[in-house]
Amino acid sequence: MSSSGRLLLILGMHRSGTSALAEVLARLGVSLGSDPMPTNEFNPRGFGEHREIVRIHDALLAEVGSGWQDLAPPEIPCESSAARRAQSALRELLRRDTAGAALFGVKDPRLCRLLPLWRPVLASERLEAAALIVLRHPAEVAGSLAHRDAFARSRSQALWLDHVLSADHATRELPRAFVWFDSLLRDWHEALTGIAERLGIVWPRDPEAARDEIDAFLSPDLRHHAREWREPPHPWVEAAHGLLRDHWESDDEVLRGGLDRIRRDFHVARALFETDLRALGRSERRTQELERRNRKLERKLASPRAWARAFLRSRLATRRSRDGQYPGPVTTREEAEAAHRR
């Protein structure tokens, strides 16, 4: 099967290695779009995410009162106004960014839950999609989330389980392959060869030509958290991980049937506490917004001179605009002092 015009959807729980896989694919010639997410202290080598796609996803979740970390995310019907706005934005983006790309990749852990909303977009744009589901031991994911987000390990287990079950369920009608983070770090060439064979892909760039670059990128320090449980795992998490560990290559009925049973039980249990979980989500989002505002204020207080300079620039620009002048920035100390006197 030709790779021309194909779309690779990279799914997986947050902190599972989706960024590492996306960045490796980029070095094999897979286009990740024109607007990459900037690095930060938790992903210093890149997220492999299209910033505008993440913004569309986050805006959609915010509009329905949710967020990626919610333990009881609401259903978003494809015919809802929020979903239609997101789908329209995604269509426009894909038309622009996939043009001329032999193989285009979309990576965002939010896809685990939001992929059903992508299906009408893929159909209308006649994009041939395949899915790559990245897996990492849930204990390592929990350790990473504890470090980055201060999540309790019980919460991280629930999020891991929900994202993995959702990704499995949403991709069953697509060509797909599972990829273990361990395998990627241990032998990326073997892992990527297996993906190519399973999905009928020819990488735009020869893996041998990219070997040194990928070897340098996938250094051992990408793995930060030991695989160990500080407390016993939840039985559903342990069972799901065991099924995936033993049947990921065959992707057979044993795997799918076992995950279906866990998914049904998990959803029934979650429904019992849905009201409380959603209230918790709302409270957490308010807390995060307050923390964001506090950080912004702290930055201002830490550098009052820079803050005052920015404030004066804004004031002078406003006055210039009101007076019919070009609303340019303050460029000299004299201008700043003049603006302050006004």
C-alpha atoms as a PDB file:
ATOM      1  CA  MET A   1       0.000   0.000   0.000  1.00  0.00           C
ATOM      2  CA  SER A   2       1.382   3.373  -0.947  1.00  0.00           C
ATOM      3  CA  SER A   3       2.178   5.918   1.754  1.00  0.00           C
ATOM      4  CA  SER A   4       1.148   8.787  -0.517  1.00  0.00           C
ATOM      5  CA  GLY A   5      -1.389  11.052   1.174  1.00  0.00           C
ATOM      6  CA  ARG A   6      -1.617   8.941   4.313  1.00  0.00           C
ATOM      7  CA  LEU A   7      -2.178  10.205   7.823  1.00  0.00           C
ATOM      8  CA  LEU A   8      -0.566   8.625  10.874  1.00  0.00           C
ATOM      9  CA  LEU A   9      -2.491   9.191  14.119  1.00  0.00           C
ATOM     10  CA  ILE A  10      -0.185   8.826  17.138  1.00  0.00           C
ATOM     11  CA  LEU A  11      -2.147   8.043  20.288  1.00  0.00           C
ATOM     12  CA  GLY A  12      -1.234   7.104  23.830  1.00  0.00           C
ATOM     13  CA  MET A  13      -1.557   8.185  27.412  1.00  0.00           C
ATOM     14  CA  HIS A  14       0.308  11.351  28.392  1.00  0.00           C
ATOM     15  CA  ARG A  15       3.949  10.636  29.387  1.00  0.00           C
ATOM     16  CA  SER A  16       3.905   7.332  27.507  1.00  0.00           C
ATOM     17  CA  GLY A  17       6.497   8.145  24.844  1.00  0.00           C
ATOM     18  CA  THR A  18       4.242   9.576  22.130  1.00  0.00           C
ATOM     19  CA  SER A  19       6.568  12.563  21.797  1.00  0.00           C
ATOM     20  CA  ALA A  20       9.602  10.324  21.345  1.00  0.00           C
ATOM     21  CA  LEU A  21       7.867   8.319  18.619  1.00  0.00           C
ATOM     22  CA  ALA A  22       6.638  11.443  16.808  1.00  0.00           C
ATOM     23  CA  GLU A  23      10.105  12.987  16.813  1.00  0.00           C
ATOM     24  CA  VAL A  24      11.628   9.753  15.476  1.00  0.00           C
ATOM     25  CA  LEU A  25       9.027   9.693  12.699  1.00  0.00           C
ATOM     26  CA  ALA A  26       9.872  13.307  11.867  1.00  0.00           C
ATOM     27  CA  ARG A  27      13.472  12.213  11.324  1.00  0.00           C
ATOM     28  CA  LEU A  28      12.171   9.570   8.922  1.00  0.00           C
ATOM     29  CA  GLY A  29      10.510  12.245   6.828  1.00  0.00           C
ATOM     30  CA  VAL A  30       7.002  12.221   8.327  1.00  0.00           C
ATOM     31  CA  SER A  31       5.618  15.761   8.297  1.00  0.00           C
ATOM     32  CA  LEU A  32       4.284  16.977  11.663  1.00  0.00           C
ATOM     33  CA  GLY A  33       3.004  20.294  10.346  1.00  0.00           C
ATOM     34  CA  SER A  34       4.076  23.906  10.221  1.00  0.00           C
ATOM     35  CA  ASP A  35       3.519  24.965  13.841  1.00  0.00           C
ATOM     36  CA  PRO A  36       5.387  22.747  16.330  1.00  0.00           C
ATOM     37  CA  MET A  37       4.710  22.972  20.034  1.00  0.00           C
ATOM     38  CA  PRO A  38       7.665  24.703  21.746  1.00  0.00           C
ATOM     39  CA  THR A  39       9.824  22.679  24.100  1.00  0.00           C
ATOM     40  CA  ASN A  40       9.752  22.990  27.873  1.00  0.00           C
ATOM     41  CA  GLU A  41      11.524  21.502  30.876  1.00  0.00           C
ATOM     42  CA  PHE A  42       9.469  18.292  30.696  1.00  0.00           C
ATOM     43  CA  ASN A  43       9.950  17.789  26.941  1.00  0.00           C
ATOM     44  CA  PRO A  44      13.255  19.528  26.178  1.00  0.00           C
ATOM     45  CA  ARG A  45      13.670  17.654  22.881  1.00  0.00           C
ATOM     46  CA  GLY A  46      10.248  18.400  21.471  1.00  0.00           C
ATOM     47  CA  PHE A  47       6.635  17.330  21.825  1.00  0.00           C
ATOM     48  CA  GLY A  48       6.094  16.325  18.216  1.00  0.00           C
ATOM     49  CA  GLU A  49       2.745  18.106  18.436  1.00  0.00           C
ATOM     50  CA  HIS A  50       1.116  20.602  16.114  1.00  0.00           C
ATOM     51  CA  ARG A  51       0.395  23.582  18.354  1.00  0.00           C
ATOM     52  CA  GLU A  52      -2.783  24.550  16.479  1.00  0.00           C
ATOM     53  CA  ILE A  53      -4.234  21.031  16.735  1.00  0.00           C
ATOM     54  CA  VAL A  54      -3.635  21.004  20.484  1.00  0.00           C
ATOM     55  CA  ARG A  55      -5.240  24.439  20.721  1.00  0.00           C
ATOM     56  CA  ILE A  56      -8.317  23.199  18.840  1.00  0.00           C
ATOM     57  CA  HIS A  57      -8.558  20.174  21.116  1.00  0.00           C
ATOM     58  CA  ASP A  58      -8.159  22.214  24.289  1.00  0.00           C
ATOM     59  CA  ALA A  59     -10.691  24.806  23.128  1.00  0.00           C
ATOM     60  CA  LEU A  60     -13.199  22.057  22.416  1.00  0.00           C
ATOM     61  CA  LEU A  61     -12.675  20.471  25.821  1.00  0.00           C
ATOM     62  CA  ALA A  62     -12.927  23.834  27.565  1.00  0.00           C
ATOM     63  CA  GLU A  63     -16.177  24.626  25.721  1.00  0.00           C
ATOM     64  CA  VAL A  64     -17.806  21.486  27.122  1.00  0.00           C
ATOM     65  CA  GLY A  65     -16.347  22.100  30.590  1.00  0.00           C
ATOM     66  CA  SER A  66     -13.624  19.490  30.456  1.00  0.00           C
ATOM     67  CA  GLY A  67      -9.874  19.008  30.200  1.00  0.00           C
ATOM     68  CA  TRP A  68      -7.405  16.250  29.369  1.00  0.00           C
ATOM     69  CA  GLN A  69      -6.949  15.330  33.035  1.00  0.00           C
ATOM     70  CA  ASP A  70     -10.659  14.811  33.777  1.00  0.00           C
ATOM     71  CA  LEU A  71     -11.506  11.448  35.299  1.00  0.00           C
ATOM     72  CA  ALA A  72     -15.078  11.588  33.927  1.00  0.00           C
ATOM     73  CA  PRO A  73     -14.916  13.384  30.571  1.00  0.00           C
ATOM     74  CA  PRO A  74     -18.311  14.181  29.033  1.00  0.00           C
ATOM     75  CA  GLU A  75     -19.435  12.663  25.772  1.00  0.00           C
ATOM     76  CA  ILE A  76     -19.178  15.147  22.886  1.00  0.00           C
ATOM     77  CA  PRO A  77     -21.711  14.305  20.155  1.00  0.00           C
ATOM     78  CA  CYS A  78     -20.382  14.813  16.624  1.00  0.00           C
ATOM     79  CA  GLU A  79     -23.465  16.871  15.780  1.00  0.00           C
ATOM     80  CA  SER A  80     -22.956  19.334  18.647  1.00  0.00           C
ATOM     81  CA  SER A  81     -22.035  22.920  17.812  1.00  0.00           C
ATOM     82  CA  ALA A  82     -18.759  22.613  19.734  1.00  0.00           C
ATOM     83  CA  ALA A  83     -17.754  19.518  17.771  1.00  0.00           C
ATOM     84  CA  ARG A  84     -18.694  21.092  14.444  1.00  0.00           C
ATOM     85  CA  ARG A  85     -16.570  24.161  15.124  1.00  0.00           C
ATOM     86  CA  ALA A  86     -13.605  21.977  16.014  1.00  0.00           C
ATOM     87  CA  GLN A  87     -14.106  19.798  12.949  1.00  0.00           C
ATOM     88  CA  SER A  88     -14.283  22.835  10.677  1.00  0.00           C
ATOM     89  CA  ALA A  89     -11.003  24.153  12.111  1.00  0.00           C
ATOM     90  CA  LEU A  90      -9.356  20.739  11.697  1.00  0.00           C
ATOM     91  CA  ARG A  91     -10.494  20.461   8.076  1.00  0.00           C
ATOM     92  CA  GLU A  92      -8.974  23.829   7.254  1.00  0.00           C
ATOM     93  CA  LEU A  93      -5.726  22.947   8.982  1.00  0.00           C
ATOM     94  CA  LEU A  94      -5.402  19.552   7.318  1.00  0.00           C
ATOM     95  CA  ARG A  95      -6.098  20.968   3.863  1.00  0.00           C
ATOM     96  CA  ARG A  96      -3.312  23.476   4.412  1.00  0.00           C
ATOM     97  CA  ASP A  97      -0.703  21.345   6.129  1.00  0.00           C
ATOM     98  CA  THR A  98      -1.088  17.956   4.453  1.00  0.00           C
ATOM     99  CA  ALA A  99      -0.754  19.389   0.947  1.00  0.00           C
ATOM    100  CA  GLY A 100       2.365  17.948  -0.615  1.00  0.00           C
ATOM    101  CA  ALA A 101       3.187  15.680   2.347  1.00  0.00           C
ATOM    102  CA  ALA A 102       3.754  12.048   1.431  1.00  0.00           C
ATOM    103  CA  LEU A 103       3.090  11.051   5.028  1.00  0.00           C
ATOM    104  CA  PHE A 104       1.606  13.353   7.655  1.00  0.00           C
ATOM    105  CA  GLY A 105       1.608  12.669  11.392  1.00  0.00           C
ATOM    106  CA  VAL A 106      -0.756  13.939  14.081  1.00  0.00           C
ATOM    107  CA  LYS A 107       0.319  13.373  17.656  1.00  0.00           C
ATOM    108  CA  ASP A 108      -1.718  14.367  20.689  1.00  0.00           C
ATOM    109  CA  PRO A 109      -2.660  12.190  23.677  1.00  0.00           C
ATOM    110  CA  ARG A 110      -6.082  13.879  23.594  1.00  0.00           C
ATOM    111  CA  LEU A 111      -6.738  11.859  20.437  1.00  0.00           C
ATOM    112  CA  CYS A 112      -7.361   8.838  22.654  1.00  0.00           C
ATOM    113  CA  ARG A 113     -10.647  10.429  23.688  1.00  0.00           C
ATOM    114  CA  LEU A 114     -11.320  12.732  20.736  1.00  0.00           C
ATOM    115  CA  LEU A 115     -10.635  10.434  17.783  1.00  0.00           C
ATOM    116  CA  PRO A 116     -14.370   9.756  17.175  1.00  0.00           C
ATOM    117  CA  LEU A 117     -14.727  13.467  16.352  1.00  0.00           C
ATOM    118  CA  TRP A 118     -11.941  13.148  13.764  1.00  0.00           C
ATOM    119  CA  ARG A 119     -13.623  10.357  11.824  1.00  0.00           C
ATOM    120  CA  PRO A 120     -16.046  12.611   9.867  1.00  0.00           C
ATOM    121  CA  VAL A 121     -13.117  14.942   9.085  1.00  0.00           C
ATOM    122  CA  LEU A 122     -10.986  12.105   7.759  1.00  0.00           C
ATOM    123  CA  ALA A 123     -13.881  10.831   5.665  1.00  0.00           C
ATOM    124  CA  SER A 124     -14.758  14.222   4.185  1.00  0.00           C
ATOM    125  CA  GLU A 125     -11.111  14.942   3.337  1.00  0.00           C
ATOM    126  CA  ARG A 126     -10.613  11.415   1.969  1.00  0.00           C
ATOM    127  CA  LEU A 127      -7.541  10.891   4.118  1.00  0.00           C
ATOM    128  CA  GLU A 128      -6.324   7.328   4.528  1.00  0.00           C
ATOM    129  CA  ALA A 129      -5.530   7.093   8.232  1.00  0.00           C
ATOM    130  CA  ALA A 130      -3.646   4.541  10.290  1.00  0.00           C
ATOM    131  CA  ALA A 131      -3.111   4.550  14.060  1.00  0.00           C
ATOM    132  CA  LEU A 132      -0.011   4.057  16.180  1.00  0.00           C
ATOM    133  CA  ILE A 133      -0.830   3.392  19.839  1.00  0.00           C
ATOM    134  CA  VAL A 134       2.140   4.009  22.125  1.00  0.00           C
ATOM    135  CA  LEU A 135       2.242   1.978  25.339  1.00  0.00           C
ATOM    136  CA  ARG A 136       4.308   2.434  28.472  1.00  0.00           C
ATOM    137  CA  HIS A 137       4.214   0.593  31.779  1.00  0.00           C
ATOM    138  CA  PRO A 138       1.556   2.310  33.928  1.00  0.00           C
ATOM    139  CA  ALA A 139       3.918   2.548  36.899  1.00  0.00           C
ATOM    140  CA  GLU A 140       6.338   4.637  34.844  1.00  0.00           C
ATOM    141  CA  VAL A 141       3.502   6.848  33.592  1.00  0.00           C
ATOM    142  CA  ALA A 142       2.329   7.345  37.174  1.00  0.00           C
ATOM    143  CA  GLY A 143       5.843   8.277  38.270  1.00  0.00           C
ATOM    144  CA  SER A 144       6.172  10.817  35.475  1.00  0.00           C
ATOM    145  CA  LEU A 145       2.774  12.379  36.213  1.00  0.00           C
ATOM    146  CA  ALA A 146       3.582  12.547  39.907  1.00  0.00           C
ATOM    147  CA  HIS A 147       6.717  14.500  39.044  1.00  0.00           C
ATOM    148  CA  ARG A 148       5.151  16.815  36.445  1.00  0.00           C
ATOM    149  CA  ASP A 149       1.604  17.311  37.727  1.00  0.00           C
ATOM    150  CA  ALA A 150       1.731  16.080  41.340  1.00  0.00           C
ATOM    151  CA  PHE A 151      -0.969  13.518  40.516  1.00  0.00           C
ATOM    152  CA  ALA A 152      -1.702  10.765  42.994  1.00  0.00           C
ATOM    153  CA  ARG A 153      -0.751   7.374  41.614  1.00  0.00           C
ATOM    154  CA  SER A 154      -4.332   6.158  41.892  1.00  0.00           C
ATOM    155  CA  ARG A 155      -5.433   9.018  39.647  1.00  0.00           C
ATOM    156  CA  SER A 156      -2.669   8.340  37.125  1.00  0.00           C
ATOM    157  CA  GLN A 157      -3.690   4.689  36.968  1.00  0.00           C
ATOM    158  CA  ALA A 158      -7.302   5.691  36.206  1.00  0.00           C
ATOM    159  CA  LEU A 159      -6.158   8.110  33.493  1.00  0.00           C
ATOM    160  CA  TRP A 160      -3.810   5.516  31.998  1.00  0.00           C
ATOM    161  CA  LEU A 161      -6.601   2.955  31.914  1.00  0.00           C
ATOM    162  CA  ASP A 162      -9.137   5.342  30.366  1.00  0.00           C
ATOM    163  CA  HIS A 163      -6.745   6.589  27.669  1.00  0.00           C
ATOM    164  CA  VAL A 164      -5.561   3.104  26.728  1.00  0.00           C
ATOM    165  CA  LEU A 165      -9.090   1.657  26.614  1.00  0.00           C
ATOM    166  CA  SER A 166     -10.379   4.646  24.632  1.00  0.00           C
ATOM    167  CA  ALA A 167      -7.496   4.475  22.141  1.00  0.00           C
ATOM    168  CA  ASP A 168      -8.038   0.750  21.622  1.00  0.00           C
ATOM    169  CA  HIS A 169     -11.801   1.119  21.131  1.00  0.00           C
ATOM    170  CA  ALA A 170     -11.562   4.132  18.784  1.00  0.00           C
ATOM    171  CA  THR A 171      -8.981   2.603  16.419  1.00  0.00           C
ATOM    172  CA  ARG A 172     -10.357  -0.878  15.828  1.00  0.00           C
ATOM    173  CA  GLU A 173     -11.722   0.013  12.395  1.00  0.00           C
ATOM    174  CA  LEU A 174      -8.389   1.506  11.313  1.00  0.00           C
ATOM    175  CA  PRO A 175      -5.134  -0.141  10.290  1.00  0.00           C
ATOM    176  CA  ARG A 176      -3.100   0.070  13.475  1.00  0.00           C
ATOM    177  CA  ALA A 177       0.008  -0.989  15.318  1.00  0.00           C
ATOM    178  CA  PHE A 178       0.981  -0.960  18.984  1.00  0.00           C
ATOM    179  CA  VAL A 179       4.398   0.425  19.931  1.00  0.00           C
ATOM    180  CA  TRP A 180       6.012  -0.053  23.325  1.00  0.00           C
ATOM    181  CA  PHE A 181       8.161   2.806  24.601  1.00  0.00           C
ATOM    182  CA  ASP A 182      10.646   0.197  25.879  1.00  0.00           C
ATOM    183  CA  SER A 183      11.012  -1.285  22.409  1.00  0.00           C
ATOM    184  CA  LEU A 184      11.483   2.116  20.821  1.00  0.00           C
ATOM    185  CA  LEU A 185      14.358   2.915  23.180  1.00  0.00           C
ATOM    186  CA  ARG A 186      15.901  -0.524  22.965  1.00  0.00           C
ATOM    187  CA  ASP A 187      15.847  -0.943  19.167  1.00  0.00           C
ATOM    188  CA  TRP A 188      14.028   1.783  17.272  1.00  0.00           C
ATOM    189  CA  HIS A 189      15.020   0.322  13.902  1.00  0.00           C
ATOM    190  CA  GLU A 190      13.307  -2.975  14.651  1.00  0.00           C
ATOM    191  CA  ALA A 191      10.238  -1.207  16.058  1.00  0.00           C
ATOM    192  CA  LEU A 192       9.874   1.076  13.032  1.00  0.00           C
ATOM    193  CA  THR A 193      10.469  -1.799  10.610  1.00  0.00           C
ATOM    194  CA  GLY A 194       7.634  -3.699  12.289  1.00  0.00           C
ATOM    195  CA  ILE A 195       5.320  -0.691  11.973  1.00  0.00           C
ATOM    196  CA  ALA A 196       6.170  -0.237   8.298  1.00  0.00           C
ATOM    197  CA  GLU A 197       5.537  -3.907   7.521  1.00  0.00           C
ATOM    198  CA  ARG A 198       2.271  -4.051   9.449  1.00  0.00           C
ATOM    199  CA  LEU A 199       0.843  -0.872   7.922  1.00  0.00           C
ATOM    200  CA  GLY A 200       2.396  -1.144   4.459  1.00  0.00           C
ATOM    201  CA  ILE A 201       4.381   2.072   4.805  1.00  0.00           C
ATOM    202  CA  VAL A 202       7.527   3.163   3.029  1.00  0.00           C
ATOM    203  CA  TRP A 203       9.219   5.826   5.143  1.00  0.00           C
ATOM    204  CA  PRO A 204       9.948   8.994   3.132  1.00  0.00           C
ATOM    205  CA  ARG A 205      13.542   8.893   4.391  1.00  0.00           C
ATOM    206  CA  ASP A 206      15.711   5.796   4.479  1.00  0.00           C
ATOM    207  CA  PRO A 207      16.103   4.691   8.142  1.00  0.00           C
ATOM    208  CA  GLU A 208      19.777   3.941   7.538  1.00  0.00           C
ATOM    209  CA  ALA A 209      20.368   7.528   6.441  1.00  0.00           C
ATOM    210  CA  ALA A 210      18.696   8.738   9.647  1.00  0.00           C
ATOM    211  CA  ARG A 211      20.340   6.215  11.988  1.00  0.00           C
ATOM    212  CA  ASP A 212      22.961   8.488  13.578  1.00  0.00           C
ATOM    213  CA  GLU A 213      20.452  11.301  14.062  1.00  0.00           C
ATOM    214  CA  ILE A 214      17.860   9.035  15.685  1.00  0.00           C
ATOM    215  CA  ASP A 215      20.454   7.252  17.831  1.00  0.00           C
ATOM    216  CA  ALA A 216      21.568  10.618  19.185  1.00  0.00           C
ATOM    217  CA  PHE A 217      17.981  11.655  19.882  1.00  0.00           C
ATOM    218  CA  LEU A 218      16.942   8.423  21.649  1.00  0.00           C
ATOM    219  CA  SER A 219      19.549   8.559  24.397  1.00  0.00           C
ATOM    220  CA  PRO A 220      18.926   6.673  27.673  1.00  0.00           C
ATOM    221  CA  ASP A 221      18.141   9.863  29.598  1.00  0.00           C
ATOM    222  CA  LEU A 222      14.748  10.010  27.875  1.00  0.00           C
ATOM    223  CA  ARG A 223      13.646   7.490  30.482  1.00  0.00           C
ATOM    224  CA  HIS A 224      13.275   9.143  33.852  1.00  0.00           C
ATOM    225  CA  HIS A 225      11.115   6.893  36.017  1.00  0.00           C
ATOM    226  CA  ALA A 226      11.812   3.367  37.178  1.00  0.00           C
ATOM    227  CA  ARG A 227       9.246   0.679  36.539  1.00  0.00           C
ATOM    228  CA  GLU A 228       8.074  -0.136  40.018  1.00  0.00           C
ATOM    229  CA  TRP A 229       4.861   0.061  41.997  1.00  0.00           C
ATOM    230  CA  ARG A 230       5.039   1.935  45.282  1.00  0.00           C
ATOM    231  CA  GLU A 231       1.586   0.515  45.957  1.00  0.00           C
ATOM    232  CA  PRO A 232      -0.256  -2.443  44.403  1.00  0.00           C
ATOM    233  CA  PRO A 233      -1.773  -1.601  41.002  1.00  0.00           C
ATOM    234  CA  HIS A 234      -5.521  -1.630  40.557  1.00  0.00           C
ATOM    235  CA  PRO A 235      -6.645  -5.055  39.248  1.00  0.00           C
ATOM    236  CA  TRP A 236      -8.113  -3.516  36.059  1.00  0.00           C
ATOM    237  CA  VAL A 237      -4.848  -1.717  35.337  1.00  0.00           C
ATOM    238  CA  GLU A 238      -2.847  -4.858  35.986  1.00  0.00           C
ATOM    239  CA  ALA A 239      -5.182  -6.940  33.798  1.00  0.00           C
ATOM    240  CA  ALA A 240      -5.178  -4.441  30.909  1.00  0.00           C
ATOM    241  CA  HIS A 241      -1.402  -4.147  31.001  1.00  0.00           C
ATOM    242  CA  GLY A 242      -1.056  -7.944  31.018  1.00  0.00           C
ATOM    243  CA  LEU A 243      -3.364  -8.341  28.018  1.00  0.00           C
ATOM    244  CA  LEU A 244      -1.474  -5.714  26.047  1.00  0.00           C
ATOM    245  CA  ARG A 245       1.903  -7.158  27.020  1.00  0.00           C
ATOM    246  CA  ASP A 246       0.923 -10.662  25.868  1.00  0.00           C
ATOM    247  CA  HIS A 247      -1.205  -9.921  22.785  1.00  0.00           C
ATOM    248  CA  TRP A 248      -0.100  -6.576  21.303  1.00  0.00           C
ATOM    249  CA  GLU A 249       1.593  -8.171  18.304  1.00  0.00           C
ATOM    250  CA  SER A 250      -1.310 -10.407  17.326  1.00  0.00           C
ATOM    251  CA  ASP A 251      -3.987  -7.799  18.198  1.00  0.00           C
ATOM    252  CA  ASP A 252      -6.371 -10.734  18.468  1.00  0.00           C
ATOM    253  CA  GLU A 253      -9.828 -11.431  19.894  1.00  0.00           C
ATOM    254  CA  VAL A 254      -8.323 -12.364  23.244  1.00  0.00           C
ATOM    255  CA  LEU A 255      -6.921  -8.852  23.548  1.00  0.00           C
ATOM    256  CA  ARG A 256     -10.024  -7.079  22.270  1.00  0.00           C
ATOM    257  CA  GLY A 257     -12.472  -9.178  24.268  1.00  0.00           C
ATOM    258  CA  GLY A 258     -10.461  -8.786  27.468  1.00  0.00           C
ATOM    259  CA  LEU A 259     -10.158  -5.021  27.074  1.00  0.00           C
ATOM    260  CA  ASP A 260     -13.882  -4.784  26.292  1.00  0.00           C
ATOM    261  CA  ARG A 261     -14.765  -6.487  29.578  1.00  0.00           C
ATOM    262  CA  ILE A 262     -12.486  -4.156  31.543  1.00  0.00           C
ATOM    263  CA  ARG A 263     -13.896  -1.149  29.690  1.00  0.00           C
ATOM    264  CA  ARG A 264     -17.484  -2.084  30.544  1.00  0.00           C
ATOM    265  CA  ASP A 265     -16.689  -2.582  34.231  1.00  0.00           C
ATOM    266  CA  PHE A 266     -14.657   0.614  34.367  1.00  0.00           C
ATOM    267  CA  HIS A 267     -17.447   2.693  32.803  1.00  0.00           C
ATOM    268  CA  VAL A 268     -20.073   1.243  35.144  1.00  0.00           C
ATOM    269  CA  ALA A 269     -17.930   2.059  38.181  1.00  0.00           C
ATOM    270  CA  ARG A 270     -17.150   5.554  36.928  1.00  0.00           C
ATOM    271  CA  ALA A 271     -20.812   6.289  36.295  1.00  0.00           C
ATOM    272  CA  LEU A 272     -21.514   5.786  40.006  1.00  0.00           C
ATOM    273  CA  PHE A 273     -19.246   8.743  40.853  1.00  0.00           C
ATOM    274  CA  GLU A 274     -19.692  10.805  37.687  1.00  0.00           C
ATOM    275  CA  THR A 275     -21.275  13.832  39.392  1.00  0.00           C
ATOM    276  CA  ASP A 276     -18.564  14.032  42.042  1.00  0.00           C
ATOM    277  CA  LEU A 277     -15.763  13.466  39.534  1.00  0.00           C
ATOM    278  CA  ARG A 278     -16.997  16.239  37.274  1.00  0.00           C
ATOM    279  CA  ALA A 279     -17.322  18.597  40.237  1.00  0.00           C
ATOM    280  CA  LEU A 280     -13.736  17.729  41.128  1.00  0.00           C
ATOM    281  CA  GLY A 281     -12.688  18.508  37.564  1.00  0.00           C
ATOM    282  CA  ARG A 282     -14.342  21.930  37.678  1.00  0.00           C
ATOM    283  CA  SER A 283     -12.662  22.706  40.982  1.00  0.00           C
ATOM    284  CA  GLU A 284      -9.267  21.665  39.647  1.00  0.00           C
ATOM    285  CA  ARG A 285      -9.624  23.838  36.564  1.00  0.00           C
ATOM    286  CA  ARG A 286     -10.473  26.850  38.727  1.00  0.00           C
ATOM    287  CA  THR A 287      -7.443  26.122  40.887  1.00  0.00           C
ATOM    288  CA  GLN A 288      -5.213  25.847  37.819  1.00  0.00           C
ATOM    289  CA  GLU A 289      -6.476  29.172  36.505  1.00  0.00           C
ATOM    290  CA  LEU A 290      -5.735  30.830  39.858  1.00  0.00           C
ATOM    291  CA  GLU A 291      -2.261  29.281  39.866  1.00  0.00           C
ATOM    292  CA  ARG A 292      -1.663  30.563  36.337  1.00  0.00           C
ATOM    293  CA  ARG A 293      -2.650  34.071  37.383  1.00  0.00           C
ATOM    294  CA  ASN A 294      -0.454  33.846  40.478  1.00  0.00           C
ATOM    295  CA  ARG A 295       2.549  32.795  38.375  1.00  0.00           C
ATOM    296  CA  LYS A 296       1.930  35.721  36.058  1.00  0.00           C
ATOM    297  CA  LEU A 297       1.779  38.092  39.030  1.00  0.00           C
ATOM    298  CA  GLU A 298       4.935  36.592  40.519  1.00  0.00           C
ATOM    299  CA  ARG A 299       6.788  37.211  37.254  1.00  0.00           C
ATOM    300  CA  LYS A 300       5.677  40.831  37.346  1.00  0.00           C
ATOM    301  CA  LEU A 301       6.789  41.259  40.953  1.00  0.00           C
ATOM    302  CA  ALA A 302      10.095  39.529  40.281  1.00  0.00           C
ATOM    303  CA  SER A 303      10.948  42.064  37.592  1.00  0.00           C
ATOM    304  CA  PRO A 304       9.078  45.313  38.313  1.00  0.00           C
ATOM    305  CA  ARG A 305      11.214  47.306  35.897  1.00  0.00           C
ATOM    306  CA  ALA A 306      10.372  45.012  32.976  1.00  0.00           C
ATOM    307  CA  TRP A 307       6.717  45.015  33.968  1.00  0.00           C
ATOM    308  CA  ALA A 308       6.657  48.835  34.211  1.00  0.00           C
ATOM    309  CA  ARG A 309       8.333  49.098  30.806  1.00  0.00           C
ATOM    310  CA  ALA A 310       5.698  46.830  29.250  1.00  0.00           C
ATOM    311  CA  PHE A 311       2.919  48.785  30.953  1.00  0.00           C
ATOM    312  CA  LEU A 312       4.257  52.078  29.622  1.00  0.00           C
ATOM    313  CA  ARG A 313       4.537  50.638  26.129  1.00  0.00           C
ATOM    314  CA  SER A 314       0.888  49.677  26.315  1.00  0.00           C
ATOM    315  CA  ARG A 315      -0.183  53.091  27.626  1.00  0.00           C
ATOM    316  CA  LEU A 316       1.729  54.988  24.941  1.00  0.00           C
ATOM    317  CA  ALA A 317       0.404  52.723  22.199  1.00  0.00           C
ATOM    318  CA  THR A 318      -3.135  53.347  23.423  1.00  0.00           C
ATOM    319  CA  ARG A 319      -2.643  57.137  23.431  1.00  0.00           C
ATOM    320  CA  ARG A 320      -1.092  57.100  19.969  1.00  0.00           C
ATOM    321  CA  SER A 321      -3.994  55.073  18.646  1.00  0.00           C
ATOM    322  CA  ARG A 322      -6.513  57.432  20.256  1.00  0.00           C
ATOM    323  CA  ASP A 323      -4.711  60.431  18.745  1.00  0.00           C
ATOM    324  CA  GLY A 324      -4.760  58.845  15.305  1.00  0.00           C
ATOM    325  CA  GLN A 325      -1.067  58.061  15.295  1.00  0.00           C
ATOM    326  CA  TYR A 326       0.567  54.744  14.442  1.00  0.00           C
ATOM    327  CA  PRO A 327       0.249  52.569  17.560  1.00  0.00           C
ATOM    328  CA  GLY A 328       3.905  51.581  17.709  1.00  0.00           C
ATOM    329  CA  PRO A 329       5.794  50.483  20.819  1.00  0.00           C
ATOM    330  CA  VAL A 330       7.802  52.647  23.166  1.00  0.00           C
ATOM    331  CA  THR A 331      11.278  52.636  21.702  1.00  0.00           C
ATOM    332  CA  THR A 332      13.206  55.085  23.881  1.00  0.00           C
ATOM    333  CA  ARG A 333      13.478  56.019  27.501  1.00  0.00           C
ATOM    334  CA  GLU A 334      12.325  59.544  26.623  1.00  0.00           C
ATOM    335  CA  GLU A 335       9.133  58.194  25.100  1.00  0.00           C
ATOM    336  CA  ALA A 336       8.496  56.088  28.190  1.00  0.00           C
ATOM    337  CA  GLU A 337       8.957  59.070  30.479  1.00  0.00           C
ATOM    338  CA  ALA A 338       6.699  61.180  28.251  1.00  0.00           C
ATOM    339  CA  ALA A 339       4.022  58.491  28.378  1.00  0.00           C
ATOM    340  CA  HIS A 340       4.298  58.334  32.154  1.00  0.00           C
ATOM    341  CA  ARG A 341       3.895  62.127  32.466  1.00  0.00           C
ATOM    342  CA  ARG A 342       0.721  61.957  30.402  1.00  0.00           C
END
